[in-house]
PDB file of N, CA and C in Angstrom:
ATOM      1  N   MET A   1     104.884 151.487 182.977  1.00  0.00           N
ATOM      2  CA  MET A   1     104.712 151.920 181.595  1.00  0.00           C
ATOM      3  C   MET A   1     105.264 150.863 180.637  1.00  0.00           C
ATOM      4  N   ASN A   2     106.242 150.071 181.108  1.00  0.00           N
ATOM      5  CA  ASN A   2     106.879 149.094 180.227  1.00  0.00           C
ATOM      6  C   ASN A   2     105.868 148.119 179.631  1.00  0.00           C
ATOM      7  N   GLU A   3     104.940 147.635 180.449  1.00  0.00           N
ATOM      8  CA  GLU A   3     103.937 146.685 179.952  1.00  0.00           C
ATOM      9  C   GLU A   3     103.012 147.346 178.936  1.00  0.00           C
ATOM     10  N   ARG A   4     102.703 148.617 179.143  1.00  0.00           N
ATOM     11  CA  ARG A   4     101.808 149.316 178.213  1.00  0.00           C
ATOM     12  C   ARG A   4     102.496 149.589 176.877  1.00  0.00           C
ATOM     13  N   ILE A   5     103.780 149.852 176.894  1.00  0.00           N
ATOM     14  CA  ILE A   5     104.501 150.037 175.622  1.00  0.00           C
ATOM     15  C   ILE A   5     104.456 148.730 174.829  1.00  0.00           C
ATOM     16  N   LYS A   6     104.684 147.625 175.511  1.00  0.00           N
ATOM     17  CA  LYS A   6     104.627 146.321 174.837  1.00  0.00           C
ATOM     18  C   LYS A   6     103.208 146.042 174.343  1.00  0.00           C
ATOM     19  N   GLU A   7     102.211 146.321 175.176  1.00  0.00           N
ATOM     20  CA  GLU A   7     100.812 146.119 174.782  1.00  0.00           C
ATOM     21  C   GLU A   7     100.461 146.962 173.558  1.00  0.00           C
ATOM     22  N   LEU A   8     100.912 148.208 173.544  1.00  0.00           N
ATOM     23  CA  LEU A   8     100.672 149.096 172.412  1.00  0.00           C
ATOM     24  C   LEU A   8     101.318 148.541 171.151  1.00  0.00           C
ATOM     25  N   ARG A   9     102.571 148.168 171.255  1.00  0.00           N
ATOM     26  CA  ARG A   9     103.287 147.642 170.090  1.00  0.00           C
ATOM     27  C   ARG A   9     102.580 146.424 169.525  1.00  0.00           C
ATOM     28  N   LYS A  10     102.160 145.526 170.391  1.00  0.00           N
ATOM     29  CA  LYS A  10     101.468 144.323 169.930  1.00  0.00           C
ATOM     30  C   LYS A  10     100.107 144.663 169.332  1.00  0.00           C
ATOM     31  N   ALA A  11      99.399 145.634 169.925  1.00  0.00           N
ATOM     32  CA  ALA A  11      98.103 146.050 169.385  1.00  0.00           C
ATOM     33  C   ALA A  11      98.259 146.628 167.981  1.00  0.00           C
ATOM     34  N   LEU A  12      99.385 147.261 167.738  1.00  0.00           N
ATOM     35  CA  LEU A  12      99.670 147.836 166.420  1.00  0.00           C
ATOM     36  C   LEU A  12     100.204 146.793 165.441  1.00  0.00           C
ATOM     37  N   GLY A  13     100.523 145.607 165.949  1.00  0.00           N
ATOM     38  CA  GLY A  13     101.055 144.556 165.095  1.00  0.00           C
ATOM     39  C   GLY A  13     102.465 144.835 164.611  1.00  0.00           C
ATOM     40  N   LEU A  14     103.246 145.513 165.439  1.00  0.00           N
ATOM     41  CA  LEU A  14     104.605 145.889 165.055  1.00  0.00           C
ATOM     42  C   LEU A  14     105.643 145.071 165.808  1.00  0.00           C
ATOM     43  N   THR A  15     106.737 144.780 165.142  1.00  0.00           N
ATOM     44  CA  THR A  15     107.890 144.204 165.830  1.00  0.00           C
ATOM     45  C   THR A  15     108.572 145.324 166.610  1.00  0.00           C
ATOM     46  N   GLN A  16     109.477 144.939 167.489  1.00  0.00           N
ATOM     47  CA  GLN A  16     110.237 145.962 168.204  1.00  0.00           C
ATOM     48  C   GLN A  16     111.014 146.833 167.221  1.00  0.00           C
ATOM     49  N   GLN A  17     111.555 146.221 166.180  1.00  0.00           N
ATOM     50  CA  GLN A  17     112.312 146.982 165.182  1.00  0.00           C
ATOM     51  C   GLN A  17     111.412 147.961 164.446  1.00  0.00           C
ATOM     52  N   ASP A  18     110.220 147.499 164.034  1.00  0.00           N
ATOM     53  CA  ASP A  18     109.276 148.384 163.334  1.00  0.00           C
ATOM     54  C   ASP A  18     108.870 149.551 164.222  1.00  0.00           C
ATOM     55  N   PHE A  19     108.587 149.255 165.485  1.00  0.00           N
ATOM     56  CA  PHE A  19     108.198 150.296 166.445  1.00  0.00           C
ATOM     57  C   PHE A  19     109.332 151.301 166.587  1.00  0.00           C
ATOM     58  N   ALA A  20     110.544 150.792 166.750  1.00  0.00           N
ATOM     59  CA  ALA A  20     111.719 151.660 166.892  1.00  0.00           C
ATOM     60  C   ALA A  20     111.902 152.541 165.670  1.00  0.00           C
ATOM     61  N   ASP A  21     111.750 151.954 164.488  1.00  0.00           N
ATOM     62  CA  ASP A  21     111.905 152.727 163.252  1.00  0.00           C
ATOM     63  C   ASP A  21     110.911 153.879 163.193  1.00  0.00           C
ATOM     64  N   ARG A  22     109.689 153.625 163.622  1.00  0.00           N
ATOM     65  CA  ARG A  22     108.646 154.663 163.543  1.00  0.00           C
ATOM     66  C   ARG A  22     108.917 155.833 164.470  1.00  0.00           C
ATOM     67  N   ILE A  23     109.619 155.579 165.586  1.00  0.00           N
ATOM     68  CA  ILE A  23     109.889 156.683 166.513  1.00  0.00           C
ATOM     69  C   ILE A  23     111.347 157.135 166.465  1.00  0.00           C
ATOM     70  N   GLY A  24     112.086 156.639 165.478  1.00  0.00           N
ATOM     71  CA  GLY A  24     113.474 157.067 165.318  1.00  0.00           C
ATOM     72  C   GLY A  24     114.402 156.554 166.400  1.00  0.00           C
ATOM     73  N   SER A  25     114.157 155.327 166.824  1.00  0.00           N
ATOM     74  CA  SER A  25     114.962 154.727 167.876  1.00  0.00           C
ATOM     75  C   SER A  25     115.597 153.443 167.352  1.00  0.00           C
ATOM     76  N   VAL A  26     116.117 152.641 168.269  1.00  0.00           N
ATOM     77  CA  VAL A  26     116.699 151.351 167.894  1.00  0.00           C
ATOM     78  C   VAL A  26     115.988 150.248 168.677  1.00  0.00           C
ATOM     79  N   GLN A  27     116.063 149.043 168.146  1.00  0.00           N
ATOM     80  CA  GLN A  27     115.343 147.902 168.718  1.00  0.00           C
ATOM     81  C   GLN A  27     115.747 147.643 170.170  1.00  0.00           C
ATOM     82  N   ASN A  28     117.024 147.754 170.482  1.00  0.00           N
ATOM     83  CA  ASN A  28     117.486 147.490 171.854  1.00  0.00           C
ATOM     84  C   ASN A  28     116.866 148.461 172.855  1.00  0.00           C
ATOM     85  N   THR A  29     116.639 149.686 172.444  1.00  0.00           N
ATOM     86  CA  THR A  29     116.013 150.670 173.331  1.00  0.00           C
ATOM     87  C   THR A  29     114.578 150.260 173.630  1.00  0.00           C
ATOM     88  N   ILE A  30     113.862 149.796 172.617  1.00  0.00           N
ATOM     89  CA  ILE A  30     112.474 149.356 172.815  1.00  0.00           C
ATOM     90  C   ILE A  30     112.453 148.147 173.749  1.00  0.00           C
ATOM     91  N   THR A  31     113.394 147.234 173.573  1.00  0.00           N
ATOM     92  CA  THR A  31     113.502 146.082 174.477  1.00  0.00           C
ATOM     93  C   THR A  31     113.678 146.565 175.909  1.00  0.00           C
ATOM     94  N   GLY A  32     114.537 147.550 176.083  1.00  0.00           N
ATOM     95  CA  GLY A  32     114.763 148.120 177.413  1.00  0.00           C
ATOM     96  C   GLY A  32     113.506 148.725 178.005  1.00  0.00           C
ATOM     97  N   TYR A  33     112.732 149.436 177.192  1.00  0.00           N
ATOM     98  CA  TYR A  33     111.470 150.006 177.672  1.00  0.00           C
ATOM     99  C   TYR A  33     110.508 148.901 178.099  1.00  0.00           C
ATOM    100  N   GLU A  34     110.397 147.874 177.267  1.00  0.00           N
ATOM    101  CA  GLU A  34     109.419 146.818 177.520  1.00  0.00           C
ATOM    102  C   GLU A  34     109.783 145.953 178.715  1.00  0.00           C
ATOM    103  N   THR A  35     111.056 145.801 179.002  1.00  0.00           N
ATOM    104  CA  THR A  35     111.488 144.988 180.147  1.00  0.00           C
ATOM    105  C   THR A  35     111.598 145.813 181.426  1.00  0.00           C
ATOM    106  N   GLY A  36     111.500 147.124 181.298  1.00  0.00           N
ATOM    107  CA  GLY A  36     111.606 147.986 182.467  1.00  0.00           C
ATOM    108  C   GLY A  36     113.034 148.353 182.828  1.00  0.00           C
ATOM    109  N   ARG A  37     113.997 147.927 182.029  1.00  0.00           N
ATOM    110  CA  ARG A  37     115.398 148.291 182.295  1.00  0.00           C
ATOM    111  C   ARG A  37     115.668 149.754 181.967  1.00  0.00           C
ATOM    112  N   ARG A  38     114.848 150.324 181.090  1.00  0.00           N
ATOM    113  CA  ARG A  38     114.995 151.727 180.702  1.00  0.00           C
ATOM    114  C   ARG A  38     113.624 152.384 180.806  1.00  0.00           C
ATOM    115  N   ALA A  39     113.630 153.659 181.094  1.00  0.00           N
ATOM    116  CA  ALA A  39     112.385 154.433 181.120  1.00  0.00           C
ATOM    117  C   ALA A  39     112.454 155.463 179.995  1.00  0.00           C
ATOM    118  N   PRO A  40     111.406 155.554 179.208  1.00  0.00           N
ATOM    119  CA  PRO A  40     111.421 156.549 178.130  1.00  0.00           C
ATOM    120  C   PRO A  40     111.364 157.958 178.702  1.00  0.00           C
ATOM    121  N   SER A  41     112.059 158.855 178.038  1.00  0.00           N
ATOM    122  CA  SER A  41     112.023 160.262 178.447  1.00  0.00           C
ATOM    123  C   SER A  41     110.654 160.847 178.128  1.00  0.00           C
ATOM    124  N   ASN A  42     110.378 162.007 178.675  1.00  0.00           N
ATOM    125  CA  ASN A  42     109.120 162.693 178.365  1.00  0.00           C
ATOM    126  C   ASN A  42     109.006 162.952 176.870  1.00  0.00           C
ATOM    127  N   GLN A  43     110.131 163.251 176.244  1.00  0.00           N
ATOM    128  CA  GLN A  43     110.149 163.500 174.803  1.00  0.00           C
ATOM    129  C   GLN A  43     109.757 162.237 174.028  1.00  0.00           C
ATOM    130  N   VAL A  44     110.270 161.093 174.446  1.00  0.00           N
ATOM    131  CA  VAL A  44     109.938 159.830 173.779  1.00  0.00           C
ATOM    132  C   VAL A  44     108.466 159.491 173.998  1.00  0.00           C
ATOM    133  N   VAL A  45     107.971 159.707 175.189  1.00  0.00           N
ATOM    134  CA  VAL A  45     106.548 159.455 175.466  1.00  0.00           C
ATOM    135  C   VAL A  45     105.685 160.316 174.552  1.00  0.00           C
ATOM    136  N   ALA A  46     106.023 161.589 174.433  1.00  0.00           N
ATOM    137  CA  ALA A  46     105.260 162.491 173.558  1.00  0.00           C
ATOM    138  C   ALA A  46     105.340 162.028 172.108  1.00  0.00           C
ATOM    139  N   LEU A  47     106.506 161.572 171.685  1.00  0.00           N
ATOM    140  CA  LEU A  47     106.682 161.090 170.321  1.00  0.00           C
ATOM    141  C   LEU A  47     105.841 159.837 170.063  1.00  0.00           C
ATOM    142  N   ILE A  48     105.844 158.894 171.005  1.00  0.00           N
ATOM    143  CA  ILE A  48     105.022 157.683 170.867  1.00  0.00           C
ATOM    144  C   ILE A  48     103.555 158.069 170.742  1.00  0.00           C
ATOM    145  N   CYS A  49     103.111 158.968 171.594  1.00  0.00           N
ATOM    146  CA  CYS A  49     101.702 159.384 171.580  1.00  0.00           C
ATOM    147  C   CYS A  49     101.338 160.046 170.257  1.00  0.00           C
ATOM    148  N   ARG A  50     102.203 160.893 169.752  1.00  0.00           N
ATOM    149  CA  ARG A  50     101.929 161.595 168.497  1.00  0.00           C
ATOM    150  C   ARG A  50     101.970 160.630 167.310  1.00  0.00           C
ATOM    151  N   GLU A  51     102.970 159.773 167.261  1.00  0.00           N
ATOM    152  CA  GLU A  51     103.140 158.863 166.123  1.00  0.00           C
ATOM    153  C   GLU A  51     102.019 157.829 166.020  1.00  0.00           C
ATOM    154  N   PHE A  52     101.558 157.343 167.178  1.00  0.00           N
ATOM    155  CA  PHE A  52     100.580 156.256 167.161  1.00  0.00           C
ATOM    156  C   PHE A  52      99.194 156.668 167.652  1.00  0.00           C
ATOM    157  N   ASN A  53      98.985 157.983 167.856  1.00  0.00           N
ATOM    158  CA  ASN A  53      97.692 158.502 168.304  1.00  0.00           C
ATOM    159  C   ASN A  53      97.268 157.873 169.635  1.00  0.00           C
ATOM    160  N   VAL A  54      98.213 157.828 170.557  1.00  0.00           N
ATOM    161  CA  VAL A  54      98.001 157.186 171.853  1.00  0.00           C
ATOM    162  C   VAL A  54      97.635 158.223 172.908  1.00  0.00           C
ATOM    163  N   ASN A  55      96.736 157.841 173.786  1.00  0.00           N
ATOM    164  CA  ASN A  55      96.332 158.646 174.924  1.00  0.00           C
ATOM    165  C   ASN A  55      97.496 158.658 175.925  1.00  0.00           C
ATOM    166  N   GLU A  56      98.094 159.816 176.135  1.00  0.00           N
ATOM    167  CA  GLU A  56      99.266 159.905 177.013  1.00  0.00           C
ATOM    168  C   GLU A  56      98.938 159.484 178.438  1.00  0.00           C
ATOM    169  N   ASN A  57      97.749 159.809 178.911  1.00  0.00           N
ATOM    170  CA  ASN A  57      97.355 159.398 180.258  1.00  0.00           C
ATOM    171  C   ASN A  57      97.345 157.869 180.365  1.00  0.00           C
ATOM    172  N   TRP A  58      96.825 157.185 179.334  1.00  0.00           N
ATOM    173  CA  TRP A  58      96.833 155.722 179.345  1.00  0.00           C
ATOM    174  C   TRP A  58      98.272 155.198 179.359  1.00  0.00           C
ATOM    175  N   LEU A  59      99.119 155.774 178.513  1.00  0.00           N
ATOM    176  CA  LEU A  59     100.491 155.288 178.423  1.00  0.00           C
ATOM    177  C   LEU A  59     101.219 155.447 179.758  1.00  0.00           C
ATOM    178  N   ARG A  60     101.007 156.559 180.427  1.00  0.00           N
ATOM    179  CA  ARG A  60     101.706 156.814 181.686  1.00  0.00           C
ATOM    180  C   ARG A  60     101.100 156.081 182.879  1.00  0.00           C
ATOM    181  N   THR A  61      99.763 155.998 182.932  1.00  0.00           N
ATOM    182  CA  THR A  61      99.104 155.488 184.144  1.00  0.00           C
ATOM    183  C   THR A  61      98.254 154.239 183.934  1.00  0.00           C
ATOM    184  N   GLY A  62      97.895 153.954 182.692  1.00  0.00           N
ATOM    185  CA  GLY A  62      97.002 152.830 182.426  1.00  0.00           C
ATOM    186  C   GLY A  62      95.535 153.210 182.487  1.00  0.00           C
ATOM    187  N   GLU A  63      95.250 154.473 182.761  1.00  0.00           N
ATOM    188  CA  GLU A  63      93.858 154.915 182.871  1.00  0.00           C
ATOM    189  C   GLU A  63      93.362 155.449 181.528  1.00  0.00           C
ATOM    190  N   GLY A  64      92.109 155.147 181.232  1.00  0.00           N
ATOM    191  CA  GLY A  64      91.498 155.626 179.997  1.00  0.00           C
ATOM    192  C   GLY A  64      91.721 154.653 178.848  1.00  0.00           C
ATOM    193  N   GLN A  65      91.405 155.102 177.662  1.00  0.00           N
ATOM    194  CA  GLN A  65      91.533 154.293 176.458  1.00  0.00           C
ATOM    195  C   GLN A  65      92.952 154.378 175.906  1.00  0.00           C
ATOM    196  N   MET A  66      93.387 153.324 175.235  1.00  0.00           N
ATOM    197  CA  MET A  66      94.729 153.287 174.662  1.00  0.00           C
ATOM    198  C   MET A  66      94.895 154.362 173.587  1.00  0.00           C
ATOM    199  N   PHE A  67      93.920 154.466 172.712  1.00  0.00           N
ATOM    200  CA  PHE A  67      94.040 155.380 171.583  1.00  0.00           C
ATOM    201  C   PHE A  67      93.109 156.571 171.739  1.00  0.00           C
ATOM    202  N   ILE A  68      93.543 157.694 171.192  1.00  0.00           N
ATOM    203  CA  ILE A  68      92.707 158.893 171.144  1.00  0.00           C
ATOM    204  C   ILE A  68      91.759 158.733 169.968  1.00  0.00           C
ATOM    205  N   GLN A  69      90.492 158.954 170.217  1.00  0.00           N
ATOM    206  CA  GLN A  69      89.504 158.856 169.157  1.00  0.00           C
ATOM    207  C   GLN A  69      89.572 160.125 168.308  1.00  0.00           C
ATOM    208  N   VAL A  70      89.650 159.947 167.001  1.00  0.00           N
ATOM    209  CA  VAL A  70      89.697 161.084 166.094  1.00  0.00           C
ATOM    210  C   VAL A  70      88.517 161.003 165.135  1.00  0.00           C
ATOM    211  N   SER A  71      88.101 162.150 164.665  1.00  0.00           N
ATOM    212  CA  SER A  71      87.004 162.182 163.696  1.00  0.00           C
ATOM    213  C   SER A  71      87.514 161.689 162.346  1.00  0.00           C
ATOM    214  N   ARG A  72      86.609 161.353 161.476  1.00  0.00           N
ATOM    215  CA  ARG A  72      86.982 160.901 160.131  1.00  0.00           C
ATOM    216  C   ARG A  72      87.741 162.012 159.397  1.00  0.00           C
ATOM    217  N   ASP A  73      87.306 163.262 159.577  1.00  0.00           N
ATOM    218  CA  ASP A  73      87.994 164.378 158.926  1.00  0.00           C
ATOM    219  C   ASP A  73      89.433 164.515 159.433  1.00  0.00           C
ATOM    220  N   GLU A  74      89.627 164.338 160.747  1.00  0.00           N
ATOM    221  CA  GLU A  74      90.981 164.410 161.307  1.00  0.00           C
ATOM    222  C   GLU A  74      91.838 163.259 160.788  1.00  0.00           C
ATOM    223  N   GLU A  75      91.225 162.094 160.657  1.00  0.00           N
ATOM    224  CA  GLU A  75      91.948 160.935 160.130  1.00  0.00           C
ATOM    225  C   GLU A  75      92.377 161.176 158.678  1.00  0.00           C
ATOM    226  N   ILE A  76      91.475 161.742 157.879  1.00  0.00           N
ATOM    227  CA  ILE A  76      91.781 162.041 156.477  1.00  0.00           C
ATOM    228  C   ILE A  76      92.881 163.096 156.392  1.00  0.00           C
ATOM    229  N   ALA A  77      92.772 164.136 157.213  1.00  0.00           N
ATOM    230  CA  ALA A  77      93.784 165.201 157.204  1.00  0.00           C
ATOM    231  C   ALA A  77      95.160 164.646 157.577  1.00  0.00           C
ATOM    232  N   ALA A  78      95.205 163.763 158.566  1.00  0.00           N
ATOM    233  CA  ALA A  78      96.480 163.163 158.963  1.00  0.00           C
ATOM    234  C   ALA A  78      97.042 162.308 157.834  1.00  0.00           C
ATOM    235  N   PHE A  79      96.174 161.567 157.150  1.00  0.00           N
ATOM    236  CA  PHE A  79      96.614 160.738 156.036  1.00  0.00           C
ATOM    237  C   PHE A  79      97.197 161.602 154.920  1.00  0.00           C
ATOM    238  N   ILE A  80      96.481 162.666 154.564  1.00  0.00           N
ATOM    239  CA  ILE A  80      96.952 163.555 153.494  1.00  0.00           C
ATOM    240  C   ILE A  80      98.291 164.191 153.889  1.00  0.00           C
ATOM    241  N   GLY A  81      98.401 164.609 155.137  1.00  0.00           N
ATOM    242  CA  GLY A  81      99.659 165.185 155.612  1.00  0.00           C
ATOM    243  C   GLY A  81     100.798 164.191 155.517  1.00  0.00           C
ATOM    244  N   ASP A  82     100.525 162.948 155.882  1.00  0.00           N
ATOM    245  CA  ASP A  82     101.539 161.893 155.792  1.00  0.00           C
ATOM    246  C   ASP A  82     101.953 161.664 154.346  1.00  0.00           C
ATOM    247  N   VAL A  83     100.978 161.619 153.456  1.00  0.00           N
ATOM    248  CA  VAL A  83     101.265 161.397 152.032  1.00  0.00           C
ATOM    249  C   VAL A  83     102.089 162.552 151.475  1.00  0.00           C
ATOM    250  N   LEU A  84     101.700 163.770 151.793  1.00  0.00           N
ATOM    251  CA  LEU A  84     102.398 164.931 151.249  1.00  0.00           C
ATOM    252  C   LEU A  84     103.820 165.064 151.786  1.00  0.00           C
ATOM    253  N   SER A  85     104.070 164.534 152.958  1.00  0.00           N
ATOM    254  CA  SER A  85     105.428 164.617 153.501  1.00  0.00           C
ATOM    255  C   SER A  85     106.306 163.473 153.000  1.00  0.00           C
ATOM    256  N   GLY A  86     105.716 162.531 152.271  1.00  0.00           N
ATOM    257  CA  GLY A  86     106.463 161.389 151.758  1.00  0.00           C
ATOM    258  C   GLY A  86     107.136 161.693 150.437  1.00  0.00           C
ATOM    259  N   GLU A  87     107.619 160.644 149.821  1.00  0.00           N
ATOM    260  CA  GLU A  87     108.329 160.777 148.558  1.00  0.00           C
ATOM    261  C   GLU A  87     107.380 161.125 147.420  1.00  0.00           C
ATOM    262  N   THR A  88     107.865 161.904 146.462  1.00  0.00           N
ATOM    263  CA  THR A  88     107.061 162.354 145.327  1.00  0.00           C
ATOM    264  C   THR A  88     106.532 161.192 144.503  1.00  0.00           C
ATOM    265  N   GLY A  89     107.305 160.140 144.328  1.00  0.00           N
ATOM    266  CA  GLY A  89     106.892 159.015 143.493  1.00  0.00           C
ATOM    267  C   GLY A  89     106.021 157.999 144.202  1.00  0.00           C
ATOM    268  N   ASP A  90     105.693 158.236 145.464  1.00  0.00           N
ATOM    269  CA  ASP A  90     104.875 157.314 146.240  1.00  0.00           C
ATOM    270  C   ASP A  90     103.526 157.106 145.562  1.00  0.00           C
ATOM    271  N   PHE A  91     103.058 155.863 145.495  1.00  0.00           N
ATOM    272  CA  PHE A  91     101.790 155.551 144.837  1.00  0.00           C
ATOM    273  C   PHE A  91     100.636 156.359 145.418  1.00  0.00           C
ATOM    274  N   ARG A  92     100.584 156.468 146.740  1.00  0.00           N
ATOM    275  CA  ARG A  92      99.477 157.207 147.366  1.00  0.00           C
ATOM    276  C   ARG A  92      99.455 158.656 146.890  1.00  0.00           C
ATOM    277  N   ARG A  93     100.609 159.254 146.769  1.00  0.00           N
ATOM    278  CA  ARG A  93     100.699 160.655 146.320  1.00  0.00           C
ATOM    279  C   ARG A  93     100.267 160.782 144.861  1.00  0.00           C
ATOM    280  N   ARG A  94     100.704 159.844 144.023  1.00  0.00           N
ATOM    281  CA  ARG A  94     100.302 159.872 142.613  1.00  0.00           C
ATOM    282  C   ARG A  94      98.793 159.675 142.482  1.00  0.00           C
ATOM    283  N   LEU A  95      98.231 158.761 143.273  1.00  0.00           N
ATOM    284  CA  LEU A  95      96.788 158.516 143.222  1.00  0.00           C
ATOM    285  C   LEU A  95      96.001 159.757 143.628  1.00  0.00           C
ATOM    286  N   ILE A  96      96.405 160.399 144.697  1.00  0.00           N
ATOM    287  CA  ILE A  96      95.710 161.611 145.151  1.00  0.00           C
ATOM    288  C   ILE A  96      95.828 162.707 144.101  1.00  0.00           C
ATOM    289  N   SER A  97      96.969 162.793 143.454  1.00  0.00           N
ATOM    290  CA  SER A  97      97.153 163.781 142.397  1.00  0.00           C
ATOM    291  C   SER A  97      96.169 163.549 141.257  1.00  0.00           C
ATOM    292  N   VAL A  98      95.986 162.300 140.865  1.00  0.00           N
ATOM    293  CA  VAL A  98      95.029 161.972 139.802  1.00  0.00           C
ATOM    294  C   VAL A  98      93.607 162.282 140.257  1.00  0.00           C
ATOM    295  N   LEU A  99      93.270 161.894 141.490  1.00  0.00           N
ATOM    296  CA  LEU A  99      91.921 162.147 142.006  1.00  0.00           C
ATOM    297  C   LEU A  99      91.613 163.644 142.061  1.00  0.00           C
ATOM    298  N   ALA A 100      92.606 164.442 142.368  1.00  0.00           N
ATOM    299  CA  ALA A 100      92.401 165.890 142.477  1.00  0.00           C
ATOM    300  C   ALA A 100      92.021 166.525 141.145  1.00  0.00           C
ATOM    301  N   ARG A 101      92.335 165.846 140.050  1.00  0.00           N
ATOM    302  CA  ARG A 101      92.033 166.401 138.725  1.00  0.00           C
ATOM    303  C   ARG A 101      90.720 165.901 138.129  1.00  0.00           C
ATOM    304  N   LEU A 102      89.997 165.035 138.868  1.00  0.00           N
ATOM    305  CA  LEU A 102      88.745 164.509 138.331  1.00  0.00           C
ATOM    306  C   LEU A 102      87.672 165.585 138.285  1.00  0.00           C
ATOM    307  N   ASP A 103      86.860 165.551 137.217  1.00  0.00           N
ATOM    308  CA  ASP A 103      85.714 166.448 137.166  1.00  0.00           C
ATOM    309  C   ASP A 103      84.501 165.719 137.761  1.00  0.00           C
ATOM    310  N   THR A 104      83.364 166.373 137.818  1.00  0.00           N
ATOM    311  CA  THR A 104      82.161 165.820 138.445  1.00  0.00           C
ATOM    312  C   THR A 104      81.741 164.492 137.816  1.00  0.00           C
ATOM    313  N   ASP A 105      81.721 164.425 136.494  1.00  0.00           N
ATOM    314  CA  ASP A 105      81.331 163.188 135.821  1.00  0.00           C
ATOM    315  C   ASP A 105      82.281 162.044 136.160  1.00  0.00           C
ATOM    316  N   GLN A 106      83.559 162.331 136.231  1.00  0.00           N
ATOM    317  CA  GLN A 106      84.531 161.292 136.548  1.00  0.00           C
ATOM    318  C   GLN A 106      84.381 160.802 137.991  1.00  0.00           C
ATOM    319  N   TRP A 107      84.042 161.728 138.899  1.00  0.00           N
ATOM    320  CA  TRP A 107      83.792 161.333 140.286  1.00  0.00           C
ATOM    321  C   TRP A 107      82.561 160.429 140.365  1.00  0.00           C
ATOM    322  N   GLU A 108      81.543 160.760 139.588  1.00  0.00           N
ATOM    323  CA  GLU A 108      80.335 159.917 139.578  1.00  0.00           C
ATOM    324  C   GLU A 108      80.648 158.532 139.029  1.00  0.00           C
ATOM    325  N   LEU A 109      81.466 158.450 137.989  1.00  0.00           N
ATOM    326  CA  LEU A 109      81.866 157.165 137.436  1.00  0.00           C
ATOM    327  C   LEU A 109      82.671 156.375 138.467  1.00  0.00           C
ATOM    328  N   LEU A 110      83.579 157.027 139.141  1.00  0.00           N
ATOM    329  CA  LEU A 110      84.381 156.375 140.168  1.00  0.00           C
ATOM    330  C   LEU A 110      83.492 155.844 141.297  1.00  0.00           C
ATOM    331  N   GLU A 111      82.506 156.633 141.682  1.00  0.00           N
ATOM    332  CA  GLU A 111      81.575 156.195 142.722  1.00  0.00           C
ATOM    333  C   GLU A 111      80.815 154.948 142.275  1.00  0.00           C
ATOM    334  N   HIS A 112      80.371 154.938 141.012  1.00  0.00           N
ATOM    335  CA  HIS A 112      79.646 153.795 140.456  1.00  0.00           C
ATOM    336  C   HIS A 112      80.542 152.546 140.471  1.00  0.00           C
ATOM    337  N   ILE A 113      81.777 152.687 140.068  1.00  0.00           N
ATOM    338  CA  ILE A 113      82.721 151.561 140.066  1.00  0.00           C
ATOM    339  C   ILE A 113      82.927 151.044 141.492  1.00  0.00           C
ATOM    340  N   ALA A 114      83.076 151.944 142.446  1.00  0.00           N
ATOM    341  CA  ALA A 114      83.278 151.550 143.842  1.00  0.00           C
ATOM    342  C   ALA A 114      82.064 150.797 144.370  1.00  0.00           C
ATOM    343  N   GLU A 115      80.877 151.257 144.022  1.00  0.00           N
ATOM    344  CA  GLU A 115      79.657 150.572 144.460  1.00  0.00           C
ATOM    345  C   GLU A 115      79.570 149.174 143.852  1.00  0.00           C
ATOM    346  N   GLU A 116      79.936 149.043 142.582  1.00  0.00           N
ATOM    347  CA  GLU A 116      79.927 147.723 141.939  1.00  0.00           C
ATOM    348  C   GLU A 116      80.947 146.791 142.588  1.00  0.00           C
ATOM    349  N   LEU A 117      82.127 147.298 142.887  1.00  0.00           N
ATOM    350  CA  LEU A 117      83.136 146.478 143.557  1.00  0.00           C
ATOM    351  C   LEU A 117      82.670 146.035 144.945  1.00  0.00           C
ATOM    352  N   ALA A 118      82.024 146.939 145.676  1.00  0.00           N
ATOM    353  CA  ALA A 118      81.505 146.600 146.998  1.00  0.00           C
ATOM    354  C   ALA A 118      80.439 145.512 146.889  1.00  0.00           C
ATOM    355  N   GLN A 119      79.589 145.606 145.883  1.00  0.00           N
ATOM    356  CA  GLN A 119      78.549 144.597 145.680  1.00  0.00           C
ATOM    357  C   GLN A 119      79.165 143.240 145.346  1.00  0.00           C
ATOM    358  N   ILE A 120      80.169 143.229 144.491  1.00  0.00           N
ATOM    359  CA  ILE A 120      80.860 141.981 144.141  1.00  0.00           C
ATOM    360  C   ILE A 120      81.502 141.376 145.388  1.00  0.00           C
ATOM    361  N   GLU A 121      82.123 142.205 146.195  1.00  0.00           N
ATOM    362  CA  GLU A 121      82.762 141.727 147.426  1.00  0.00           C
ATOM    363  C   GLU A 121      81.723 141.149 148.370  1.00  0.00           C
ATOM    364  N   LYS A 122      80.583 141.831 148.508  1.00  0.00           N
ATOM    365  CA  LYS A 122      79.504 141.362 149.376  1.00  0.00           C
ATOM    366  C   LYS A 122      78.984 140.007 148.911  1.00  0.00           C
ATOM    367  N   GLU A 123      78.767 139.873 147.597  1.00  0.00           N
ATOM    368  CA  GLU A 123      78.264 138.616 147.047  1.00  0.00           C
ATOM    369  C   GLU A 123      79.278 137.485 147.253  1.00  0.00           C
ATOM    370  N   GLY A 124      80.550 137.800 147.104  1.00  0.00           N
ATOM    371  CA  GLY A 124      81.592 136.807 147.313  1.00  0.00           C
ATOM    372  C   GLY A 124      81.657 136.352 148.768  1.00  0.00           C
ATOM    373  N   ALA A 125      81.418 137.258 149.701  1.00  0.00           N
ATOM    374  CA  ALA A 125      81.457 136.926 151.121  1.00  0.00           C
ATOM    375  C   ALA A 125      80.259 136.061 151.528  1.00  0.00           C
ATOM    376  N   GLU A 126      79.148 136.217 150.813  1.00  0.00           N
ATOM    377  CA  GLU A 126      77.942 135.460 151.148  1.00  0.00           C
ATOM    378  C   GLU A 126      78.016 134.018 150.652  1.00  0.00           C
ATOM    379  N   GLN A 127      78.915 133.747 149.730  1.00  0.00           N
ATOM    380  CA  GLN A 127      79.002 132.390 149.170  1.00  0.00           C
ATOM    381  C   GLN A 127      79.807 131.476 150.038  1.00  0.00           C
TER     382      GLN A 127
END
């Protein structure tokens, strides 16, 4: 499992410290997991799987896909849950609050702006 924890961390682009912070651990513990000097408890394995949407069977045995595939709706729900559990002044929370108050015309205007930005980005990429 030690190699898979390291592979997962690298796939996520996280340092050992960042990984540890996300699961409420310390960097030295992650080093221990990755070198095989320590084995994560069942609780830690479950926490890693929940925090990073990892297939527990893959983490334990190497079989199957690294990540659990989620629908777009599940991804959005998880994002909203994460935002709502964060700090009140967080930009994401303030943005969602503003979006929640838009009327139909404002949503149409926002859609038009997004389409124009996408077109500008596309044209810039083609040059």
